[in-house]
Protein backbone atom coordinates (compact mmCIF):
# COMPACT_ATOMS: atom_id res chain seq x y z
CA MET A 1 0.07 -0.13 -0.03
CA ALA A 2 1.32 3.46 -0.96
CA GLU A 3 1.13 6.43 1.18
CA GLY A 4 2.15 9.96 0.93
CA MET A 5 2.69 13.19 2.89
CA ILE A 6 1.06 16.33 1.51
CA VAL A 7 1.67 19.72 2.96
CA GLU A 8 0.45 23.18 2.11
CA LEU A 9 2.40 26.27 1.32
CA THR A 10 2.06 29.89 0.36
CA GLY A 11 4.48 33.07 0.52
CA VAL A 12 6.61 35.76 -1.43
CA SER A 13 10.32 36.30 -1.69
CA ARG A 14 11.67 39.73 -3.14
CA GLU A 15 15.30 38.04 -4.12
CA ALA A 16 13.52 35.46 -5.90
CA ALA A 17 10.90 37.48 -7.72
CA GLN A 18 13.74 39.78 -9.12
CA MET A 19 15.39 36.83 -11.00
CA LYS A 20 12.57 36.01 -13.39
CA SER A 21 10.19 38.01 -15.44
CA PRO A 22 6.91 38.77 -13.56
CA GLU A 23 4.88 36.18 -15.49
CA GLU A 24 7.19 33.37 -14.53
CA CYS A 25 7.39 34.45 -10.81
CA LEU A 26 3.79 34.51 -10.46
CA GLU A 27 2.87 31.30 -12.15
CA GLU A 28 2.41 28.25 -9.87
CA ASN A 29 4.05 25.06 -10.95
CA TRP A 30 5.26 21.51 -9.69
CA TYR A 31 8.98 21.45 -9.38
CA ALA A 32 11.15 18.75 -7.96
CA VAL A 33 13.34 19.44 -5.13
CA TYR A 34 16.57 17.42 -4.67
CA THR A 35 17.57 16.82 -1.18
CA TRP A 36 20.44 15.19 0.70
CA ALA A 37 20.15 11.38 0.95
CA ARG A 38 17.44 10.19 3.22
CA HIS A 39 16.23 13.71 4.24
CA GLU A 40 13.07 13.61 2.31
CA LYS A 41 10.66 13.50 5.46
CA CYS A 42 12.46 16.14 7.11
CA VAL A 43 12.38 18.51 4.02
CA ALA A 44 8.64 17.72 3.47
CA ALA A 45 7.98 18.52 7.27
CA GLN A 46 9.97 21.79 6.96
CA MET A 47 7.82 22.60 3.57
CA GLY A 48 4.69 22.19 6.10
CA GLN A 49 6.00 24.38 8.88
CA ARG A 50 6.82 26.99 6.31
CA ARG A 51 3.34 26.71 4.72
CA LEU A 52 4.62 25.63 1.36
CA ARG A 53 2.73 23.02 -0.74
CA GLY A 54 4.69 19.88 -1.17
CA PHE A 55 4.12 16.24 -1.90
CA LEU A 56 6.18 13.40 -0.82
CA PRO A 57 4.96 10.14 -2.28
CA LEU A 58 5.97 6.99 0.26
CA TYR A 59 5.65 3.31 -0.18
CA ARG A 60 6.06 0.66 2.55
CA SER A 61 8.80 -1.94 2.49
CA ILE A 62 9.62 -4.83 4.60
CA HIS A 63 13.01 -4.80 6.25
CA ARG A 64 14.71 -7.79 7.47
CA TRP A 65 17.47 -7.71 10.12
CA LYS A 66 19.15 -11.00 11.83
CA ASP A 67 16.65 -10.81 14.63
CA ARG A 68 13.58 -8.97 13.43
CA ARG A 69 11.43 -7.67 10.43
CA LYS A 70 10.03 -4.33 10.32
CA GLU A 71 7.54 -2.32 7.89
CA ILE A 72 9.11 1.10 6.93
CA GLU A 73 7.96 4.06 4.78
CA LEU A 74 10.39 5.12 2.13
CA ALA A 75 10.28 7.77 -0.42
CA LEU A 76 9.00 6.56 -3.64
CA PHE A 77 11.76 8.91 -5.50
CA PRO A 78 14.67 8.77 -3.14
CA SER A 79 16.23 12.24 -2.52
CA TYR A 80 13.43 14.00 -4.02
CA VAL A 81 10.28 15.89 -2.84
CA PHE A 82 7.98 17.72 -5.03
CA VAL A 83 6.78 21.36 -4.35
CA HIS A 84 4.18 23.43 -6.00
CA LEU A 85 5.01 27.14 -5.97
CA ALA A 86 5.86 30.19 -8.03
CA LEU A 87 9.31 31.06 -8.81
CA ARG A 88 9.35 33.96 -6.82
CA ASP A 89 9.11 31.68 -3.59
CA ARG A 90 11.99 29.41 -4.54
CA VAL A 91 14.30 30.97 -1.97
CA ARG A 92 11.89 29.77 0.92
CA VAL A 93 12.63 25.98 -0.46
CA LEU A 94 16.24 26.79 -0.78
CA GLU A 95 16.53 27.79 2.89
CA ILE A 96 15.24 24.57 4.18
CA PRO A 97 17.95 22.51 5.86
CA GLY A 98 18.47 19.42 3.62
CA VAL A 99 17.55 20.93 0.30
CA VAL A 100 20.28 20.86 -2.39
CA ASP A 101 18.38 22.59 -5.14
CA ILE A 102 15.50 22.72 -7.16
CA VAL A 103 15.95 20.47 -10.42
CA GLY A 104 16.32 22.18 -13.56
CA SER A 105 18.71 22.98 -16.41
CA ARG A 106 21.30 25.60 -17.02
CA GLY A 107 20.49 27.15 -13.46
CA LYS A 108 16.71 27.45 -14.01
CA PRO A 109 14.28 25.23 -12.21
CA THR A 110 12.17 22.97 -14.77
CA PRO A 111 8.62 22.68 -13.91
CA LEU A 112 7.00 19.12 -14.07
CA ALA A 113 3.93 18.14 -16.03
CA GLU A 114 1.07 18.77 -13.74
CA ARG A 115 -0.72 15.66 -14.86
CA GLU A 116 2.26 13.43 -13.83
CA VAL A 117 2.25 14.79 -10.25
CA GLU A 118 -1.46 14.65 -9.84
CA SER A 119 -1.47 11.14 -11.07
CA LEU A 120 0.92 10.34 -8.59
CA GLN A 121 -1.21 11.97 -5.88
CA ARG A 122 -4.34 10.10 -7.01
CA GLY A 123 -2.30 6.75 -6.93
CA VAL A 124 -1.26 7.61 -3.38
CA ASP A 125 -4.45 8.76 -2.28
CA GLY A 126 -6.42 5.57 -3.86
CA CYS A 127 -3.81 3.32 -2.10
CA VAL A 128 -2.51 1.98 -5.30
CA SER A 129 0.40 -0.29 -4.69
CA MET A 130 3.61 1.40 -5.66
CA GLU A 131 7.35 0.88 -5.50
CA PRO A 132 10.43 2.17 -7.16
CA HIS A 133 11.44 0.48 -10.45
CA PRO A 134 14.61 1.51 -12.56
CA PHE A 135 13.59 3.85 -15.49
CA LEU A 136 13.05 2.12 -18.71
CA GLN A 137 12.95 4.19 -21.94
CA VAL A 138 11.45 3.15 -25.18
CA GLY A 139 14.46 2.67 -27.69
CA ARG A 140 17.03 1.67 -24.97
CA ARG A 141 18.76 -1.64 -25.09
CA VAL A 142 17.54 -3.69 -22.21
CA ARG A 143 18.23 -7.32 -20.61
CA VAL A 144 15.84 -10.05 -19.49
CA ARG A 145 16.75 -10.59 -15.75
CA SER A 146 14.60 -13.56 -14.93
CA GLY A 147 12.36 -16.36 -16.50
CA PRO A 148 12.97 -18.50 -19.21
CA LEU A 149 14.46 -15.93 -21.47
CA ILE A 150 17.07 -14.60 -18.73
CA GLY A 151 20.15 -13.06 -20.19
CA LEU A 152 18.55 -12.08 -23.65
CA GLU A 153 19.27 -8.61 -24.61
CA GLY A 154 17.12 -6.32 -27.13
CA ILE A 155 15.49 -2.99 -27.73
CA LEU A 156 12.50 -2.07 -25.76
CA VAL A 157 9.88 -1.21 -28.15
CA ARG A 158 6.63 -0.46 -26.43
CA ARG A 159 5.31 0.20 -23.03
CA LYS A 160 1.57 0.56 -23.40
CA GLU A 161 0.01 -2.49 -21.94
CA GLY A 162 3.26 -4.09 -21.30
CA PHE A 163 6.76 -4.36 -22.72
CA ARG A 164 7.56 -5.44 -26.00
CA LEU A 165 11.09 -6.46 -26.32
CA VAL A 166 12.82 -6.82 -29.89
CA ALA A 167 15.53 -9.49 -29.77
CA SER A 168 17.90 -9.53 -32.76
CA ILE A 169 19.99 -12.46 -34.02
CA GLU A 170 22.64 -10.62 -35.61
CA ILE A 171 24.19 -13.29 -37.57
CA LEU A 172 20.82 -14.32 -39.13
CA MET A 173 19.79 -10.61 -39.62
CA ARG A 174 16.35 -11.58 -38.01
CA ALA A 175 14.58 -10.25 -35.06
CA VAL A 176 11.67 -11.39 -32.82
CA ALA A 177 9.28 -9.31 -30.91
CA ILE A 178 8.41 -10.79 -27.47
CA GLU A 179 5.84 -9.49 -24.90
CA ILE A 180 7.49 -9.62 -21.40
CA ASP A 181 6.65 -8.32 -17.98
CA GLU A 182 8.31 -5.13 -16.87
CA ALA A 183 9.39 -6.55 -13.65
CA ASP A 184 11.79 -9.35 -15.72
CA VAL A 185 13.51 -6.24 -17.65
CA GLU A 186 16.56 -4.12 -16.72
CA SER A 187 18.35 -1.52 -18.55
CA CYS A 188 21.81 -2.55 -20.16
CA ARG A 189 24.61 -0.37 -18.93
């Protein structure tokens, strides 16, 4: 069962507002905040205390030690927390202990797709079972890591209802398409 921590936030920072155009500074978007390792819950709690709207998707995992087992909640995206804010308020996030930066490119925070974050929130609220999985991209070379086809490599072609792996036999100059479960596939390095 997946759970999440949702906190609310509002506010203004003059220093941050001066760095972008007025339109960019006023428009609220979701951003990914990069945190120190294992500081996601602390950062999310600090966002709540600072009245910022944040979202930390969590999942439950059973950890085993020699003498015991315990169910713990972990961040679905380790070292990341989501925040919904206008860029003028970004300094308020960057001042939180444990925050490294807001994810972006060329020094500019990059907004996330609203529908992606909303889908995550609905999944967490709807108790959909979620857990981390290695990122797999269509067009990339992947390897089957379990099952009867273990070790087989190919190109990931489709991810709609399931994965379709195209495996090529190079000496024959032929290929086959195989429907495969995503849990059985890993990215080739």
